Amino acid sequence: MRSSYEGPATVFRHDHNGRAFYTVAIMQTNMDGEKEYAYKPVQFKRGVEVEDHARINIKVAWEKFYKTKDDEVVFYIFICDFTEGEEKAGQGYTERHSYSAAANKIEDPEDFDALDEDVPF
């Protein structure tokens, strides 16, 4: 089974011990009509840094996982290709930066595996 993600998102950055960790918020409305939020870990390619509360437009991303020392499975989203900028009403997406999988010759998400040292959590 493949899980892929695309579209606009806000990325939250958390700095700890000199490393950056990222999450995105997932929102749903409960039965009482109240909004509920959960946060999912996100990883970018090595060397890519994103500011806190950055608005990005995800072009290529997929779900991955790693296992902790206690054999617990932790799912995260690996964002491979995205643009960073702002979405303005009626104007579409204003691109400030673009990060492309093609620049790193990653043809298929199945051909890429993150190493343990690449996973920031």
PDB file of N, CA and C in Angstrom:
ATOM      1  N   MET A   1       0.841  -1.170   0.000  1.00  0.00           N
ATOM      2  CA  MET A   1       0.000   0.000   0.000  1.00  0.00           C
ATOM      3  C   MET A   1       0.892   1.241   0.000  1.00  0.00           C
ATOM      4  N   ARG A   2       0.544   2.205  -0.801  1.00  0.00           N
ATOM      5  CA  ARG A   2       1.290   3.456  -0.860  1.00  0.00           C
ATOM      6  C   ARG A   2       0.454   4.581  -0.273  1.00  0.00           C
ATOM      7  N   SER A   3       1.106   5.435   0.454  1.00  0.00           N
ATOM      8  CA  SER A   3       0.477   6.650   0.957  1.00  0.00           C
ATOM      9  C   SER A   3       1.284   7.816   0.427  1.00  0.00           C
ATOM     10  N   SER A   4       0.608   8.755  -0.219  1.00  0.00           N
ATOM     11  CA  SER A   4       1.315   9.927  -0.716  1.00  0.00           C
ATOM     12  C   SER A   4       0.552  11.169  -0.297  1.00  0.00           C
ATOM     13  N   TYR A   5       1.267  12.281  -0.239  1.00  0.00           N
ATOM     14  CA  TYR A   5       0.705  13.539   0.217  1.00  0.00           C
ATOM     15  C   TYR A   5       1.060  14.626  -0.776  1.00  0.00           C
ATOM     16  N   GLU A   6       0.146  15.590  -0.950  1.00  0.00           N
ATOM     17  CA  GLU A   6       0.427  16.756  -1.770  1.00  0.00           C
ATOM     18  C   GLU A   6      -0.510  17.875  -1.349  1.00  0.00           C
ATOM     19  N   GLY A   7      -0.111  19.108  -1.669  1.00  0.00           N
ATOM     20  CA  GLY A   7      -0.938  20.256  -1.358  1.00  0.00           C
ATOM     21  C   GLY A   7      -0.310  21.147  -0.302  1.00  0.00           C
ATOM     22  N   PRO A   8      -1.018  22.229   0.062  1.00  0.00           N
ATOM     23  CA  PRO A   8      -0.472  23.196   1.006  1.00  0.00           C
ATOM     24  C   PRO A   8      -0.436  22.648   2.434  1.00  0.00           C
ATOM     25  N   ALA A   9       0.557  23.082   3.192  1.00  0.00           N
ATOM     26  CA  ALA A   9       0.698  22.678   4.593  1.00  0.00           C
ATOM     27  C   ALA A   9       1.528  23.724   5.324  1.00  0.00           C
ATOM     28  N   THR A  10       1.334  23.796   6.632  1.00  0.00           N
ATOM     29  CA  THR A  10       2.171  24.625   7.492  1.00  0.00           C
ATOM     30  C   THR A  10       3.100  23.697   8.259  1.00  0.00           C
ATOM     31  N   VAL A  11       4.393  23.993   8.213  1.00  0.00           N
ATOM     32  CA  VAL A  11       5.397  23.167   8.879  1.00  0.00           C
ATOM     33  C   VAL A  11       5.828  23.859  10.167  1.00  0.00           C
ATOM     34  N   PHE A  12       5.841  23.105  11.253  1.00  0.00           N
ATOM     35  CA  PHE A  12       6.276  23.620  12.545  1.00  0.00           C
ATOM     36  C   PHE A  12       7.666  23.067  12.838  1.00  0.00           C
ATOM     37  N   ARG A  13       8.576  23.954  13.196  1.00  0.00           N
ATOM     38  CA  ARG A  13       9.958  23.564  13.465  1.00  0.00           C
ATOM     39  C   ARG A  13      10.208  23.581  14.969  1.00  0.00           C
ATOM     40  N   HIS A  14      10.883  22.552  15.443  1.00  0.00           N
ATOM     41  CA  HIS A  14      11.252  22.434  16.846  1.00  0.00           C
ATOM     42  C   HIS A  14      12.750  22.178  16.901  1.00  0.00           C
ATOM     43  N   ASP A  15      13.507  23.064  17.539  1.00  0.00           N
ATOM     44  CA  ASP A  15      14.959  22.900  17.658  1.00  0.00           C
ATOM     45  C   ASP A  15      15.286  22.256  19.000  1.00  0.00           C
ATOM     46  N   HIS A  16      16.128  21.211  18.955  1.00  0.00           N
ATOM     47  CA  HIS A  16      16.514  20.499  20.170  1.00  0.00           C
ATOM     48  C   HIS A  16      17.931  19.966  20.005  1.00  0.00           C
ATOM     49  N   ASN A  17      18.805  20.321  20.935  1.00  0.00           N
ATOM     50  CA  ASN A  17      20.204  19.859  20.904  1.00  0.00           C
ATOM     51  C   ASN A  17      20.886  20.128  19.563  1.00  0.00           C
ATOM     52  N   GLY A  18      20.632  21.295  19.003  1.00  0.00           N
ATOM     53  CA  GLY A  18      21.285  21.677  17.762  1.00  0.00           C
ATOM     54  C   GLY A  18      20.708  21.054  16.501  1.00  0.00           C
ATOM     55  N   ARG A  19      19.600  20.338  16.620  1.00  0.00           N
ATOM     56  CA  ARG A  19      18.968  19.719  15.446  1.00  0.00           C
ATOM     57  C   ARG A  19      17.554  20.242  15.293  1.00  0.00           C
ATOM     58  N   ALA A  20      17.085  20.272  14.069  1.00  0.00           N
ATOM     59  CA  ALA A  20      15.721  20.720  13.781  1.00  0.00           C
ATOM     60  C   ALA A  20      14.821  19.507  13.595  1.00  0.00           C
ATOM     61  N   PHE A  21      13.664  19.546  14.223  1.00  0.00           N
ATOM     62  CA  PHE A  21      12.642  18.517  14.070  1.00  0.00           C
ATOM     63  C   PHE A  21      11.390  19.215  13.550  1.00  0.00           C
ATOM     64  N   TYR A  22      10.669  18.551  12.669  1.00  0.00           N
ATOM     65  CA  TYR A  22       9.523  19.170  12.016  1.00  0.00           C
ATOM     66  C   TYR A  22       8.258  18.348  12.217  1.00  0.00           C
ATOM     67  N   THR A  23       7.098  19.065  12.265  1.00  0.00           N
ATOM     68  CA  THR A  23       5.793  18.421  12.305  1.00  0.00           C
ATOM     69  C   THR A  23       4.831  19.204  11.426  1.00  0.00           C
ATOM     70  N   VAL A  24       3.742  18.561  11.047  1.00  0.00           N
ATOM     71  CA  VAL A  24       2.616  19.227  10.399  1.00  0.00           C
ATOM     72  C   VAL A  24       1.379  18.918  11.222  1.00  0.00           C
ATOM     73  N   ALA A  25       0.411  19.829  11.187  1.00  0.00           N
ATOM     74  CA  ALA A  25      -0.828  19.636  11.935  1.00  0.00           C
ATOM     75  C   ALA A  25      -1.861  18.959  11.047  1.00  0.00           C
ATOM     76  N   ILE A  26      -2.591  18.052  11.645  1.00  0.00           N
ATOM     77  CA  ILE A  26      -3.720  17.406  10.983  1.00  0.00           C
ATOM     78  C   ILE A  26      -4.956  17.810  11.766  1.00  0.00           C
ATOM     79  N   MET A  27      -5.957  18.369  11.083  1.00  0.00           N
ATOM     80  CA  MET A  27      -7.146  18.878  11.751  1.00  0.00           C
ATOM     81  C   MET A  27      -8.366  18.060  11.354  1.00  0.00           C
ATOM     82  N   GLN A  28      -9.225  17.846  12.330  1.00  0.00           N
ATOM     83  CA  GLN A  28     -10.513  17.235  12.039  1.00  0.00           C
ATOM     84  C   GLN A  28     -11.560  17.896  12.931  1.00  0.00           C
ATOM     85  N   THR A  29     -12.808  17.787  12.543  1.00  0.00           N
ATOM     86  CA  THR A  29     -13.904  18.326  13.339  1.00  0.00           C
ATOM     87  C   THR A  29     -14.575  17.165  14.049  1.00  0.00           C
ATOM     88  N   ASN A  30     -14.709  17.273  15.379  1.00  0.00           N
ATOM     89  CA  ASN A  30     -15.329  16.170  16.128  1.00  0.00           C
ATOM     90  C   ASN A  30     -16.850  16.245  16.018  1.00  0.00           C
ATOM     91  N   MET A  31     -17.542  15.332  16.676  1.00  0.00           N
ATOM     92  CA  MET A  31     -19.010  15.248  16.561  1.00  0.00           C
ATOM     93  C   MET A  31     -19.706  16.472  17.151  1.00  0.00           C
ATOM     94  N   ASP A  32     -19.037  17.204  18.041  1.00  0.00           N
ATOM     95  CA  ASP A  32     -19.616  18.420  18.628  1.00  0.00           C
ATOM     96  C   ASP A  32     -19.347  19.652  17.770  1.00  0.00           C
ATOM     97  N   GLY A  33     -18.668  19.474  16.646  1.00  0.00           N
ATOM     98  CA  GLY A  33     -18.350  20.578  15.756  1.00  0.00           C
ATOM     99  C   GLY A  33     -17.088  21.330  16.129  1.00  0.00           C
ATOM    100  N   GLU A  34     -16.348  20.828  17.125  1.00  0.00           N
ATOM    101  CA  GLU A  34     -15.115  21.469  17.544  1.00  0.00           C
ATOM    102  C   GLU A  34     -13.944  20.921  16.742  1.00  0.00           C
ATOM    103  N   LYS A  35     -12.986  21.800  16.450  1.00  0.00           N
ATOM    104  CA  LYS A  35     -11.793  21.372  15.715  1.00  0.00           C
ATOM    105  C   LYS A  35     -10.812  20.714  16.667  1.00  0.00           C
ATOM    106  N   GLU A  36     -10.234  19.605  16.224  1.00  0.00           N
ATOM    107  CA  GLU A  36      -9.214  18.898  16.985  1.00  0.00           C
ATOM    108  C   GLU A  36      -7.960  18.807  16.126  1.00  0.00           C
ATOM    109  N   TYR A  37      -6.808  18.927  16.780  1.00  0.00           N
ATOM    110  CA  TYR A  37      -5.540  18.894  16.057  1.00  0.00           C
ATOM    111  C   TYR A  37      -4.652  17.775  16.583  1.00  0.00           C
ATOM    112  N   ALA A  38      -3.932  17.164  15.671  1.00  0.00           N
ATOM    113  CA  ALA A  38      -2.881  16.206  16.007  1.00  0.00           C
ATOM    114  C   ALA A  38      -1.676  16.605  15.162  1.00  0.00           C
ATOM    115  N   TYR A  39      -0.510  16.198  15.583  1.00  0.00           N
ATOM    116  CA  TYR A  39       0.712  16.578  14.869  1.00  0.00           C
ATOM    117  C   TYR A  39       1.456  15.333  14.433  1.00  0.00           C
ATOM    118  N   LYS A  40       1.920  15.351  13.183  1.00  0.00           N
ATOM    119  CA  LYS A  40       2.629  14.208  12.628  1.00  0.00           C
ATOM    120  C   LYS A  40       4.064  14.628  12.293  1.00  0.00           C
ATOM    121  N   PRO A  41       5.042  13.816  12.664  1.00  0.00           N
ATOM    122  CA  PRO A  41       6.432  14.151  12.333  1.00  0.00           C
ATOM    123  C   PRO A  41       6.653  14.213  10.820  1.00  0.00           C
ATOM    124  N   VAL A  42       7.564  15.090  10.422  1.00  0.00           N
ATOM    125  CA  VAL A  42       7.911  15.289   9.020  1.00  0.00           C
ATOM    126  C   VAL A  42       9.425  15.259   8.904  1.00  0.00           C
ATOM    127  N   GLN A  43       9.918  14.706   7.809  1.00  0.00           N
ATOM    128  CA  GLN A  43      11.347  14.729   7.529  1.00  0.00           C
ATOM    129  C   GLN A  43      11.560  15.250   6.113  1.00  0.00           C
ATOM    130  N   PHE A  44      12.616  16.046   5.952  1.00  0.00           N
ATOM    131  CA  PHE A  44      13.029  16.532   4.643  1.00  0.00           C
ATOM    132  C   PHE A  44      14.343  15.866   4.272  1.00  0.00           C
ATOM    133  N   LYS A  45      14.746  16.043   3.013  1.00  0.00           N
ATOM    134  CA  LYS A  45      16.047  15.535   2.582  1.00  0.00           C
ATOM    135  C   LYS A  45      17.147  16.206   3.384  1.00  0.00           C
ATOM    136  N   ARG A  46      18.254  15.525   3.513  1.00  0.00           N
ATOM    137  CA  ARG A  46      19.404  16.054   4.247  1.00  0.00           C
ATOM    138  C   ARG A  46      19.801  17.413   3.667  1.00  0.00           C
ATOM    139  N   GLY A  47      20.039  18.353   4.563  1.00  0.00           N
ATOM    140  CA  GLY A  47      20.472  19.690   4.153  1.00  0.00           C
ATOM    141  C   GLY A  47      19.357  20.686   3.933  1.00  0.00           C
ATOM    142  N   VAL A  48      18.103  20.244   3.899  1.00  0.00           N
ATOM    143  CA  VAL A  48      16.977  21.154   3.704  1.00  0.00           C
ATOM    144  C   VAL A  48      16.515  21.647   5.070  1.00  0.00           C
ATOM    145  N   GLU A  49      16.458  22.959   5.230  1.00  0.00           N
ATOM    146  CA  GLU A  49      15.970  23.555   6.471  1.00  0.00           C
ATOM    147  C   GLU A  49      14.784  24.445   6.155  1.00  0.00           C
ATOM    148  N   VAL A  50      13.782  24.382   7.017  1.00  0.00           N
ATOM    149  CA  VAL A  50      12.564  25.157   6.840  1.00  0.00           C
ATOM    150  C   VAL A  50      12.320  25.939   8.130  1.00  0.00           C
ATOM    151  N   GLU A  51      11.862  27.174   8.004  1.00  0.00           N
ATOM    152  CA  GLU A  51      11.579  28.000   9.171  1.00  0.00           C
ATOM    153  C   GLU A  51      10.310  27.529   9.867  1.00  0.00           C
ATOM    154  N   ASP A  52      10.175  27.898  11.149  1.00  0.00           N
ATOM    155  CA  ASP A  52       8.970  27.590  11.911  1.00  0.00           C
ATOM    156  C   ASP A  52       7.767  28.302  11.284  1.00  0.00           C
ATOM    157  N   HIS A  53       6.653  27.634  11.223  1.00  0.00           N
ATOM    158  CA  HIS A  53       5.405  28.127  10.642  1.00  0.00           C
ATOM    159  C   HIS A  53       5.528  28.419   9.145  1.00  0.00           C
ATOM    160  N   ALA A  54       6.416  27.738   8.459  1.00  0.00           N
ATOM    161  CA  ALA A  54       6.585  27.939   7.012  1.00  0.00           C
ATOM    162  C   ALA A  54       5.385  27.357   6.270  1.00  0.00           C
ATOM    163  N   ARG A  55       4.895  28.103   5.301  1.00  0.00           N
ATOM    164  CA  ARG A  55       3.830  27.607   4.422  1.00  0.00           C
ATOM    165  C   ARG A  55       4.515  26.984   3.212  1.00  0.00           C
ATOM    166  N   ILE A  56       4.222  25.703   2.967  1.00  0.00           N
ATOM    167  CA  ILE A  56       4.812  25.016   1.821  1.00  0.00           C
ATOM    168  C   ILE A  56       3.699  24.399   0.990  1.00  0.00           C
ATOM    169  N   ASN A  57       4.026  24.114  -0.242  1.00  0.00           N
ATOM    170  CA  ASN A  57       3.125  23.384  -1.130  1.00  0.00           C
ATOM    171  C   ASN A  57       3.824  22.067  -1.458  1.00  0.00           C
ATOM    172  N   ILE A  58       3.324  20.983  -0.911  1.00  0.00           N
ATOM    173  CA  ILE A  58       3.945  19.671  -1.096  1.00  0.00           C
ATOM    174  C   ILE A  58       3.627  19.161  -2.493  1.00  0.00           C
ATOM    175  N   LYS A  59       4.671  18.781  -3.221  1.00  0.00           N
ATOM    176  CA  LYS A  59       4.510  18.201  -4.557  1.00  0.00           C
ATOM    177  C   LYS A  59       4.688  16.692  -4.513  1.00  0.00           C
ATOM    178  N   VAL A  60       5.722  16.222  -3.799  1.00  0.00           N
ATOM    179  CA  VAL A  60       5.987  14.782  -3.686  1.00  0.00           C
ATOM    180  C   VAL A  60       6.326  14.467  -2.229  1.00  0.00           C
ATOM    181  N   ALA A  61       5.535  13.621  -1.613  1.00  0.00           N
ATOM    182  CA  ALA A  61       5.792  13.178  -0.238  1.00  0.00           C
ATOM    183  C   ALA A  61       5.112  11.838  -0.035  1.00  0.00           C
ATOM    184  N   TRP A  62       5.670  11.047   0.859  1.00  0.00           N
ATOM    185  CA  TRP A  62       5.076   9.755   1.145  1.00  0.00           C
ATOM    186  C   TRP A  62       5.277   9.413   2.607  1.00  0.00           C
ATOM    187  N   GLU A  63       4.514   8.446   3.053  1.00  0.00           N
ATOM    188  CA  GLU A  63       4.604   8.035   4.447  1.00  0.00           C
ATOM    189  C   GLU A  63       5.660   6.964   4.609  1.00  0.00           C
ATOM    190  N   LYS A  64       6.450   7.093   5.661  1.00  0.00           N
ATOM    191  CA  LYS A  64       7.487   6.116   5.992  1.00  0.00           C
ATOM    192  C   LYS A  64       7.355   5.810   7.478  1.00  0.00           C
ATOM    193  N   PHE A  65       8.184   4.912   7.956  1.00  0.00           N
ATOM    194  CA  PHE A  65       8.183   4.621   9.383  1.00  0.00           C
ATOM    195  C   PHE A  65       9.561   4.159   9.811  1.00  0.00           C
ATOM    196  N   TYR A  66       9.777   4.187  11.090  1.00  0.00           N
ATOM    197  CA  TYR A  66      10.970   3.587  11.681  1.00  0.00           C
ATOM    198  C   TYR A  66      10.538   2.893  12.964  1.00  0.00           C
ATOM    199  N   LYS A  67      11.383   2.026  13.460  1.00  0.00           N
ATOM    200  CA  LYS A  67      11.085   1.324  14.705  1.00  0.00           C
ATOM    201  C   LYS A  67      12.030   1.823  15.795  1.00  0.00           C
ATOM    202  N   THR A  68      11.472   2.038  16.974  1.00  0.00           N
ATOM    203  CA  THR A  68      12.271   2.462  18.113  1.00  0.00           C
ATOM    204  C   THR A  68      13.009   1.249  18.677  1.00  0.00           C
ATOM    205  N   LYS A  69      13.856   1.497  19.663  1.00  0.00           N
ATOM    206  CA  LYS A  69      14.575   0.394  20.314  1.00  0.00           C
ATOM    207  C   LYS A  69      13.622  -0.583  20.983  1.00  0.00           C
ATOM    208  N   ASP A  70      12.429  -0.098  21.351  1.00  0.00           N
ATOM    209  CA  ASP A  70      11.411  -0.954  21.977  1.00  0.00           C
ATOM    210  C   ASP A  70      10.509  -1.608  20.935  1.00  0.00           C
ATOM    211  N   ASP A  71      10.907  -1.536  19.664  1.00  0.00           N
ATOM    212  CA  ASP A  71      10.170  -2.120  18.543  1.00  0.00           C
ATOM    213  C   ASP A  71       8.810  -1.450  18.298  1.00  0.00           C
ATOM    214  N   GLU A  72       8.683  -0.196  18.735  1.00  0.00           N
ATOM    215  CA  GLU A  72       7.468   0.564  18.484  1.00  0.00           C
ATOM    216  C   GLU A  72       7.578   1.214  17.106  1.00  0.00           C
ATOM    217  N   VAL A  73       6.528   1.135  16.305  1.00  0.00           N
ATOM    218  CA  VAL A  73       6.515   1.719  14.962  1.00  0.00           C
ATOM    219  C   VAL A  73       6.070   3.174  15.054  1.00  0.00           C
ATOM    220  N   VAL A  74       6.864   4.068  14.459  1.00  0.00           N
ATOM    221  CA  VAL A  74       6.549   5.494  14.424  1.00  0.00           C
ATOM    222  C   VAL A  74       6.451   5.903  12.954  1.00  0.00           C
ATOM    223  N   PHE A  75       5.285   6.411  12.558  1.00  0.00           N
ATOM    224  CA  PHE A  75       5.068   6.856  11.186  1.00  0.00           C
ATOM    225  C   PHE A  75       5.424   8.329  11.052  1.00  0.00           C
ATOM    226  N   TYR A  76       5.952   8.709   9.881  1.00  0.00           N
ATOM    227  CA  TYR A  76       6.254  10.101   9.587  1.00  0.00           C
ATOM    228  C   TYR A  76       6.087  10.332   8.100  1.00  0.00           C
ATOM    229  N   ILE A  77       6.028  11.601   7.715  1.00  0.00           N
ATOM    230  CA  ILE A  77       5.896  11.979   6.307  1.00  0.00           C
ATOM    231  C   ILE A  77       7.263  12.439   5.819  1.00  0.00           C
ATOM    232  N   PHE A  78       7.741  11.844   4.728  1.00  0.00           N
ATOM    233  CA  PHE A  78       8.989  12.271   4.104  1.00  0.00           C
ATOM    234  C   PHE A  78       8.634  13.171   2.932  1.00  0.00           C
ATOM    235  N   ILE A  79       9.009  14.456   3.026  1.00  0.00           N
ATOM    236  CA  ILE A  79       8.709  15.431   1.975  1.00  0.00           C
ATOM    237  C   ILE A  79       9.932  15.567   1.095  1.00  0.00           C
ATOM    238  N   CYS A  80       9.773  15.178  -0.163  1.00  0.00           N
ATOM    239  CA  CYS A  80      10.893  15.128  -1.097  1.00  0.00           C
ATOM    240  C   CYS A  80      10.917  16.331  -2.036  1.00  0.00           C
ATOM    241  N   ASP A  81       9.763  16.795  -2.438  1.00  0.00           N
ATOM    242  CA  ASP A  81       9.672  17.856  -3.440  1.00  0.00           C
ATOM    243  C   ASP A  81       8.586  18.828  -2.998  1.00  0.00           C
ATOM    244  N   PHE A  82       8.948  20.106  -2.831  1.00  0.00           N
ATOM    245  CA  PHE A  82       7.974  21.083  -2.385  1.00  0.00           C
ATOM    246  C   PHE A  82       8.428  22.485  -2.786  1.00  0.00           C
ATOM    247  N   THR A  83       7.493  23.415  -2.738  1.00  0.00           N
ATOM    248  CA  THR A  83       7.813  24.821  -2.903  1.00  0.00           C
ATOM    249  C   THR A  83       7.478  25.506  -1.593  1.00  0.00           C
ATOM    250  N   GLU A  84       8.233  26.538  -1.285  1.00  0.00           N
ATOM    251  CA  GLU A  84       8.012  27.287  -0.060  1.00  0.00           C
ATOM    252  C   GLU A  84       7.558  28.670  -0.457  1.00  0.00           C
ATOM    253  N   GLY A  85       6.494  29.146   0.133  1.00  0.00           N
ATOM    254  CA  GLY A  85       5.970  30.460  -0.194  1.00  0.00           C
ATOM    255  C   GLY A  85       4.662  30.683   0.504  1.00  0.00           C
ATOM    256  N   GLU A  86       3.803  31.462  -0.104  1.00  0.00           N
ATOM    257  CA  GLU A  86       2.523  31.779   0.504  1.00  0.00           C
ATOM    258  C   GLU A  86       1.409  31.591  -0.506  1.00  0.00           C
ATOM    259  N   GLU A  87       0.275  31.143   0.011  1.00  0.00           N
ATOM    260  CA  GLU A  87      -0.910  30.998  -0.810  1.00  0.00           C
ATOM    261  C   GLU A  87      -1.769  32.235  -0.561  1.00  0.00           C
ATOM    262  N   LYS A  88      -2.056  32.972  -1.617  1.00  0.00           N
ATOM    263  CA  LYS A  88      -2.831  34.206  -1.467  1.00  0.00           C
ATOM    264  C   LYS A  88      -4.178  34.027  -2.159  1.00  0.00           C
ATOM    265  N   ALA A  89      -5.220  34.467  -1.486  1.00  0.00           N
ATOM    266  CA  ALA A  89      -6.581  34.309  -1.999  1.00  0.00           C
ATOM    267  C   ALA A  89      -6.694  34.902  -3.401  1.00  0.00           C
ATOM    268  N   GLY A  90      -7.195  34.111  -4.321  1.00  0.00           N
ATOM    269  CA  GLY A  90      -7.425  34.557  -5.687  1.00  0.00           C
ATOM    270  C   GLY A  90      -6.178  34.658  -6.549  1.00  0.00           C
ATOM    271  N   GLN A  91      -4.993  34.447  -5.959  1.00  0.00           N
ATOM    272  CA  GLN A  91      -3.758  34.596  -6.723  1.00  0.00           C
ATOM    273  C   GLN A  91      -2.987  33.293  -6.855  1.00  0.00           C
ATOM    274  N   GLY A  92      -3.427  32.243  -6.212  1.00  0.00           N
ATOM    275  CA  GLY A  92      -2.700  30.978  -6.279  1.00  0.00           C
ATOM    276  C   GLY A  92      -1.517  30.968  -5.332  1.00  0.00           C
ATOM    277  N   TYR A  93      -0.524  30.195  -5.644  1.00  0.00           N
ATOM    278  CA  TYR A  93       0.614  29.989  -4.762  1.00  0.00           C
ATOM    279  C   TYR A  93       1.801  30.816  -5.226  1.00  0.00           C
ATOM    280  N   THR A  94       2.325  31.672  -4.358  1.00  0.00           N
ATOM    281  CA  THR A  94       3.499  32.493  -4.659  1.00  0.00           C
ATOM    282  C   THR A  94       4.733  31.740  -4.199  1.00  0.00           C
ATOM    283  N   GLU A  95       5.557  31.338  -5.134  1.00  0.00           N
ATOM    284  CA  GLU A  95       6.718  30.501  -4.830  1.00  0.00           C
ATOM    285  C   GLU A  95       7.924  31.347  -4.447  1.00  0.00           C
ATOM    286  N   ARG A  96       8.538  31.004  -3.294  1.00  0.00           N
ATOM    287  CA  ARG A  96       9.774  31.673  -2.880  1.00  0.00           C
ATOM    288  C   ARG A  96      10.977  30.764  -3.125  1.00  0.00           C
ATOM    289  N   HIS A  97      10.840  29.496  -2.777  1.00  0.00           N
ATOM    290  CA  HIS A  97      11.917  28.529  -2.957  1.00  0.00           C
ATOM    291  C   HIS A  97      11.304  27.246  -3.499  1.00  0.00           C
ATOM    292  N   SER A  98      12.073  26.512  -4.261  1.00  0.00           N
ATOM    293  CA  SER A  98      11.613  25.231  -4.775  1.00  0.00           C
ATOM    294  C   SER A  98      12.676  24.183  -4.490  1.00  0.00           C
ATOM    295  N   TYR A  99      12.244  23.055  -3.958  1.00  0.00           N
ATOM    296  CA  TYR A  99      13.137  21.941  -3.658  1.00  0.00           C
ATOM    297  C   TYR A  99      12.641  20.762  -4.475  1.00  0.00           C
ATOM    298  N   SER A 100      13.464  20.255  -5.347  1.00  0.00           N
ATOM    299  CA  SER A 100      13.002  19.255  -6.302  1.00  0.00           C
ATOM    300  C   SER A 100      13.710  17.928  -6.145  1.00  0.00           C
ATOM    301  N   ALA A 101      12.926  16.853  -6.248  1.00  0.00           N
ATOM    302  CA  ALA A 101      13.492  15.508  -6.238  1.00  0.00           C
ATOM    303  C   ALA A 101      14.344  15.298  -7.481  1.00  0.00           C
ATOM    304  N   ALA A 102      13.969  15.931  -8.588  1.00  0.00           N
ATOM    305  CA  ALA A 102      14.700  15.757  -9.837  1.00  0.00           C
ATOM    306  C   ALA A 102      16.146  16.243  -9.700  1.00  0.00           C
ATOM    307  N   ALA A 103      16.348  17.277  -8.879  1.00  0.00           N
ATOM    308  CA  ALA A 103      17.705  17.796  -8.695  1.00  0.00           C
ATOM    309  C   ALA A 103      18.610  16.771  -8.037  1.00  0.00           C
ATOM    310  N   ASN A 104      18.017  15.854  -7.283  1.00  0.00           N
ATOM    311  CA  ASN A 104      18.799  14.814  -6.615  1.00  0.00           C
ATOM    312  C   ASN A 104      18.634  13.454  -7.288  1.00  0.00           C
ATOM    313  N   LYS A 105      18.013  13.454  -8.459  1.00  0.00           N
ATOM    314  CA  LYS A 105      17.845  12.243  -9.268  1.00  0.00           C
ATOM    315  C   LYS A 105      17.114  11.113  -8.528  1.00  0.00           C
ATOM    316  N   ILE A 106      16.114  11.466  -7.730  1.00  0.00           N
ATOM    317  CA  ILE A 106      15.266  10.457  -7.098  1.00  0.00           C
ATOM    318  C   ILE A 106      14.081  10.253  -8.027  1.00  0.00           C
ATOM    319  N   GLU A 107      14.062   9.137  -8.710  1.00  0.00           N
ATOM    320  CA  GLU A 107      13.028   8.883  -9.697  1.00  0.00           C
ATOM    321  C   GLU A 107      11.724   8.401  -9.061  1.00  0.00           C
ATOM    322  N   ASP A 108      11.824   7.521  -8.089  1.00  0.00           N
ATOM    323  CA  ASP A 108      10.647   6.887  -7.512  1.00  0.00           C
ATOM    324  C   ASP A 108      10.826   6.840  -6.000  1.00  0.00           C
ATOM    325  N   PRO A 109       9.800   7.208  -5.232  1.00  0.00           N
ATOM    326  CA  PRO A 109       9.927   7.149  -3.782  1.00  0.00           C
ATOM    327  C   PRO A 109      10.345   5.775  -3.262  1.00  0.00           C
ATOM    328  N   GLU A 110       9.996   4.709  -3.960  1.00  0.00           N
ATOM    329  CA  GLU A 110      10.363   3.365  -3.523  1.00  0.00           C
ATOM    330  C   GLU A 110      11.872   3.137  -3.616  1.00  0.00           C
ATOM    331  N   ASP A 111      12.571   3.945  -4.434  1.00  0.00           N
ATOM    332  CA  ASP A 111      14.019   3.798  -4.598  1.00  0.00           C
ATOM    333  C   ASP A 111      14.810   4.517  -3.511  1.00  0.00           C
ATOM    334  N   PHE A 112      14.127   5.210  -2.603  1.00  0.00           N
ATOM    335  CA  PHE A 112      14.817   5.998  -1.590  1.00  0.00           C
ATOM    336  C   PHE A 112      14.496   5.467  -0.208  1.00  0.00           C
ATOM    337  N   ASP A 113      15.506   5.207   0.584  1.00  0.00           N
ATOM    338  CA  ASP A 113      15.327   4.778   1.963  1.00  0.00           C
ATOM    339  C   ASP A 113      16.135   5.684   2.862  1.00  0.00           C
ATOM    340  N   ALA A 114      15.514   6.184   3.914  1.00  0.00           N
ATOM    341  CA  ALA A 114      16.217   7.029   4.889  1.00  0.00           C
ATOM    342  C   ALA A 114      17.052   6.154   5.806  1.00  0.00           C
ATOM    343  N   LEU A 115      18.240   6.596   6.067  1.00  0.00           N
ATOM    344  CA  LEU A 115      19.083   5.903   7.030  1.00  0.00           C
ATOM    345  C   LEU A 115      18.705   6.346   8.437  1.00  0.00           C
ATOM    346  N   ASP A 116      19.061   5.538   9.440  1.00  0.00           N
ATOM    347  CA  ASP A 116      18.723   5.877  10.810  1.00  0.00           C
ATOM    348  C   ASP A 116      19.202   7.266  11.198  1.00  0.00           C
ATOM    349  N   GLU A 117      20.408   7.652  10.738  1.00  0.00           N
ATOM    350  CA  GLU A 117      20.919   8.963  11.108  1.00  0.00           C
ATOM    351  C   GLU A 117      20.200  10.092  10.391  1.00  0.00           C
ATOM    352  N   ASP A 118      19.420   9.774   9.336  1.00  0.00           N
ATOM    353  CA  ASP A 118      18.627  10.790   8.643  1.00  0.00           C
ATOM    354  C   ASP A 118      17.330  11.094   9.376  1.00  0.00           C
ATOM    355  N   VAL A 119      16.837  10.149  10.173  1.00  0.00           N
ATOM    356  CA  VAL A 119      15.571  10.301  10.850  1.00  0.00           C
ATOM    357  C   VAL A 119      15.795  11.140  12.117  1.00  0.00           C
ATOM    358  N   PRO A 120      15.180  12.331  12.205  1.00  0.00           N
ATOM    359  CA  PRO A 120      15.508  13.235  13.297  1.00  0.00           C
ATOM    360  C   PRO A 120      14.742  13.011  14.586  1.00  0.00           C
ATOM    361  N   PHE A 121      14.080  11.869  14.760  1.00  0.00           N
ATOM    362  CA  PHE A 121      13.338  11.661  16.005  1.00  0.00           C
ATOM    363  C   PHE A 121      13.551  10.283  16.534  1.00  0.00           C
TER     364      PHE A 121
END
